[in-house]
Structures are given as structure tokens and as C-alpha cells.
Amino acid sequence: MNVFNLNITIDILIYFFIIVFSILGTFLIRYSDNKKIKTDPLIGIYKAASQLRKNIPVEKINTHEKLYYPYNRKMKFYSRLGIILILLSAGLSIYKIFW
């Protein structure tokens, strides 16, 4: 196997990874955005108020911390992974354009 065939093989692999990373990153971002649970944006204020006063209902805060927060954190991880994959494919594309 000479150097020319090896260069073509590496080019084909890079093109393949560009396509796969782009598609996978796009699907991860779309999936994580659609699967996020909508939560109350004032939950932080409720949490701070519950420390100051004892008559604030704690059920909403406990539900948020035990159910919504870990799930949304996992979805945020998927979203960040999708962005990293898209940036990686963009970097590979720029590499292939200029070199």
C-alpha cells in the first residue's frame, strides 16, 4: 500500500466522521431540547424563601430536586455533547478545506 492510497483512505475516514458527527450532534441537540421537563423558573426563589420562612410549601421544591433536576441535568449533558460533536465536525471540515 503506497502513500497515495493511504492518503485517500484517511480522507474518506475524515469525510465519514464529519458527516456522522454532524448528524449525531444535531439529533442529540434536538432530542435533549424536546425531552426537557418544563420547570418553574422561580424555584430558586422558593428554595431561598423556604430557608427564611417555614410556611412555604416544600413539596414543590422536593419534587424539583428529586425528579426534575437530575433529568434536566442529563438532558443538558446531551445538549452539550451535541454541540461538541458539531464543533468537532466543523473543525474537521475546516481542516479538510485548508489542508
C-alpha atoms as a PDB file:
ATOM      1  CA  MET A   1       0.000   0.000   0.000  1.00  0.00           C
ATOM      2  CA  ASN A   2       1.593   3.215  -1.091  1.00  0.00           C
ATOM      3  CA  VAL A   3       1.284   6.676   0.421  1.00  0.00           C
ATOM      4  CA  PHE A   4      -1.297   7.846  -2.128  1.00  0.00           C
ATOM      5  CA  ASN A   5      -3.782   5.100  -1.192  1.00  0.00           C
ATOM      6  CA  LEU A   6      -3.228   5.789   2.498  1.00  0.00           C
ATOM      7  CA  ASN A   7      -3.998   9.493   1.972  1.00  0.00           C
ATOM      8  CA  ILE A   8      -7.223   8.651   0.165  1.00  0.00           C
ATOM      9  CA  THR A   9      -8.246   6.251   2.940  1.00  0.00           C
ATOM     10  CA  ILE A  10      -7.613   8.873   5.623  1.00  0.00           C
ATOM     11  CA  ASP A  11      -9.556  11.469   3.602  1.00  0.00           C
ATOM     12  CA  ILE A  12     -12.524   9.133   3.269  1.00  0.00           C
ATOM     13  CA  LEU A  13     -12.448   8.432   7.018  1.00  0.00           C
ATOM     14  CA  ILE A  14     -12.355  12.156   7.823  1.00  0.00           C
ATOM     15  CA  TYR A  15     -15.285  12.844   5.478  1.00  0.00           C
ATOM     16  CA  PHE A  16     -17.209   9.992   7.078  1.00  0.00           C
ATOM     17  CA  PHE A  17     -16.559  11.346  10.585  1.00  0.00           C
ATOM     18  CA  ILE A  18     -17.626  14.852   9.521  1.00  0.00           C
ATOM     19  CA  ILE A  19     -20.998  13.540   8.372  1.00  0.00           C
ATOM     20  CA  VAL A  20     -21.520  11.223  11.350  1.00  0.00           C
ATOM     21  CA  PHE A  21     -20.562  13.848  13.953  1.00  0.00           C
ATOM     22  CA  SER A  22     -22.807  16.463  12.349  1.00  0.00           C
ATOM     23  CA  ILE A  23     -25.853  14.208  12.173  1.00  0.00           C
ATOM     24  CA  LEU A  24     -25.317  12.737  15.641  1.00  0.00           C
ATOM     25  CA  GLY A  25     -24.778  16.174  17.190  1.00  0.00           C
ATOM     26  CA  THR A  26     -27.916  17.543  15.554  1.00  0.00           C
ATOM     27  CA  PHE A  27     -30.020  14.621  16.773  1.00  0.00           C
ATOM     28  CA  LEU A  28     -28.647  14.914  20.310  1.00  0.00           C
ATOM     29  CA  ILE A  29     -29.478  18.614  20.489  1.00  0.00           C
ATOM     30  CA  ARG A  30     -32.981  18.116  19.096  1.00  0.00           C
ATOM     31  CA  TYR A  31     -33.659  15.147  21.395  1.00  0.00           C
ATOM     32  CA  SER A  32     -32.468  16.919  24.529  1.00  0.00           C
ATOM     33  CA  ASP A  33     -34.452  20.088  23.780  1.00  0.00           C
ATOM     34  CA  ASN A  34     -37.652  18.149  23.157  1.00  0.00           C
ATOM     35  CA  LYS A  35     -37.275  15.950  26.239  1.00  0.00           C
ATOM     36  CA  LYS A  36     -36.516  18.657  28.816  1.00  0.00           C
ATOM     37  CA  ILE A  37     -39.155  18.989  31.516  1.00  0.00           C
ATOM     38  CA  LYS A  38     -40.527  22.481  31.862  1.00  0.00           C
ATOM     39  CA  THR A  39     -39.983  23.633  35.420  1.00  0.00           C
ATOM     40  CA  ASP A  40     -40.934  26.679  37.420  1.00  0.00           C
ATOM     41  CA  PRO A  41     -38.272  29.364  36.857  1.00  0.00           C
ATOM     42  CA  LEU A  42     -38.893  30.733  40.363  1.00  0.00           C
ATOM     43  CA  ILE A  43     -37.860  27.515  42.100  1.00  0.00           C
ATOM     44  CA  GLY A  44     -34.630  29.139  43.296  1.00  0.00           C
ATOM     45  CA  ILE A  45     -36.591  31.932  44.971  1.00  0.00           C
ATOM     46  CA  TYR A  46     -38.900  29.368  46.595  1.00  0.00           C
ATOM     47  CA  LYS A  47     -35.853  27.500  47.858  1.00  0.00           C
ATOM     48  CA  ALA A  48     -34.342  30.644  49.371  1.00  0.00           C
ATOM     49  CA  ALA A  49     -37.694  31.641  50.868  1.00  0.00           C
ATOM     50  CA  SER A  50     -38.120  28.219  52.440  1.00  0.00           C
ATOM     51  CA  GLN A  51     -34.898  28.797  54.356  1.00  0.00           C
ATOM     52  CA  LEU A  52     -36.215  32.101  55.703  1.00  0.00           C
ATOM     53  CA  ARG A  53     -39.802  31.109  56.406  1.00  0.00           C
ATOM     54  CA  LYS A  54     -41.229  27.810  57.471  1.00  0.00           C
ATOM     55  CA  ASN A  55     -44.715  28.211  55.974  1.00  0.00           C
ATOM     56  CA  ILE A  56     -43.555  27.883  52.324  1.00  0.00           C
ATOM     57  CA  PRO A  57     -44.753  24.593  50.742  1.00  0.00           C
ATOM     58  CA  VAL A  58     -41.743  22.342  50.430  1.00  0.00           C
ATOM     59  CA  GLU A  59     -43.392  19.714  48.183  1.00  0.00           C
ATOM     60  CA  LYS A  60     -42.708  21.678  45.012  1.00  0.00           C
ATOM     61  CA  ILE A  61     -39.046  22.140  45.942  1.00  0.00           C
ATOM     62  CA  ASN A  62     -38.580  18.477  46.829  1.00  0.00           C
ATOM     63  CA  THR A  63     -40.246  17.344  43.595  1.00  0.00           C
ATOM     64  CA  HIS A  64     -37.982  19.611  41.601  1.00  0.00           C
ATOM     65  CA  GLU A  65     -34.810  18.448  43.333  1.00  0.00           C
ATOM     66  CA  LYS A  66     -35.577  14.724  43.240  1.00  0.00           C
ATOM     67  CA  LEU A  67     -37.245  14.356  39.843  1.00  0.00           C
ATOM     68  CA  TYR A  68     -36.745  17.288  37.507  1.00  0.00           C
ATOM     69  CA  TYR A  69     -33.224  18.458  38.308  1.00  0.00           C
ATOM     70  CA  PRO A  70     -31.345  15.162  37.633  1.00  0.00           C
ATOM     71  CA  TYR A  71     -33.321  14.508  34.447  1.00  0.00           C
ATOM     72  CA  ASN A  72     -32.797  18.022  33.076  1.00  0.00           C
ATOM     73  CA  ARG A  73     -29.139  17.795  34.026  1.00  0.00           C
ATOM     74  CA  LYS A  74     -28.822  14.650  31.916  1.00  0.00           C
ATOM     75  CA  MET A  75     -30.559  16.396  29.011  1.00  0.00           C
ATOM     76  CA  LYS A  76     -28.186  19.355  29.374  1.00  0.00           C
ATOM     77  CA  PHE A  77     -25.265  16.915  29.124  1.00  0.00           C
ATOM     78  CA  TYR A  78     -26.708  15.500  25.882  1.00  0.00           C
ATOM     79  CA  SER A  79     -27.142  19.010  24.516  1.00  0.00           C
ATOM     80  CA  ARG A  80     -23.547  19.936  25.326  1.00  0.00           C
ATOM     81  CA  LEU A  81     -22.301  16.693  23.799  1.00  0.00           C
ATOM     82  CA  GLY A  82     -24.225  17.508  20.613  1.00  0.00           C
ATOM     83  CA  ILE A  83     -22.661  20.970  20.455  1.00  0.00           C
ATOM     84  CA  ILE A  84     -19.202  19.482  20.961  1.00  0.00           C
ATOM     85  CA  LEU A  85     -19.800  16.973  18.152  1.00  0.00           C
ATOM     86  CA  ILE A  86     -20.981  19.710  15.784  1.00  0.00           C
ATOM     87  CA  LEU A  87     -17.952  21.855  16.634  1.00  0.00           C
ATOM     88  CA  LEU A  88     -15.696  18.848  16.091  1.00  0.00           C
ATOM     89  CA  SER A  89     -17.202  18.213  12.662  1.00  0.00           C
ATOM     90  CA  ALA A  90     -16.825  21.913  11.808  1.00  0.00           C
ATOM     91  CA  GLY A  91     -13.184  21.753  12.834  1.00  0.00           C
ATOM     92  CA  LEU A  92     -12.614  18.674  10.697  1.00  0.00           C
ATOM     93  CA  SER A  93     -14.319  20.417   7.771  1.00  0.00           C
ATOM     94  CA  ILE A  94     -12.090  23.464   8.120  1.00  0.00           C
ATOM     95  CA  TYR A  95      -9.070  21.183   8.340  1.00  0.00           C
ATOM     96  CA  LYS A  96     -10.057  19.422   5.115  1.00  0.00           C
ATOM     97  CA  ILE A  97     -10.733  22.703   3.296  1.00  0.00           C
ATOM     98  CA  PHE A  98      -7.364  24.281   4.053  1.00  0.00           C
ATOM     99  CA  TRP A  99      -5.090  21.212   4.121  1.00  0.00           C
END
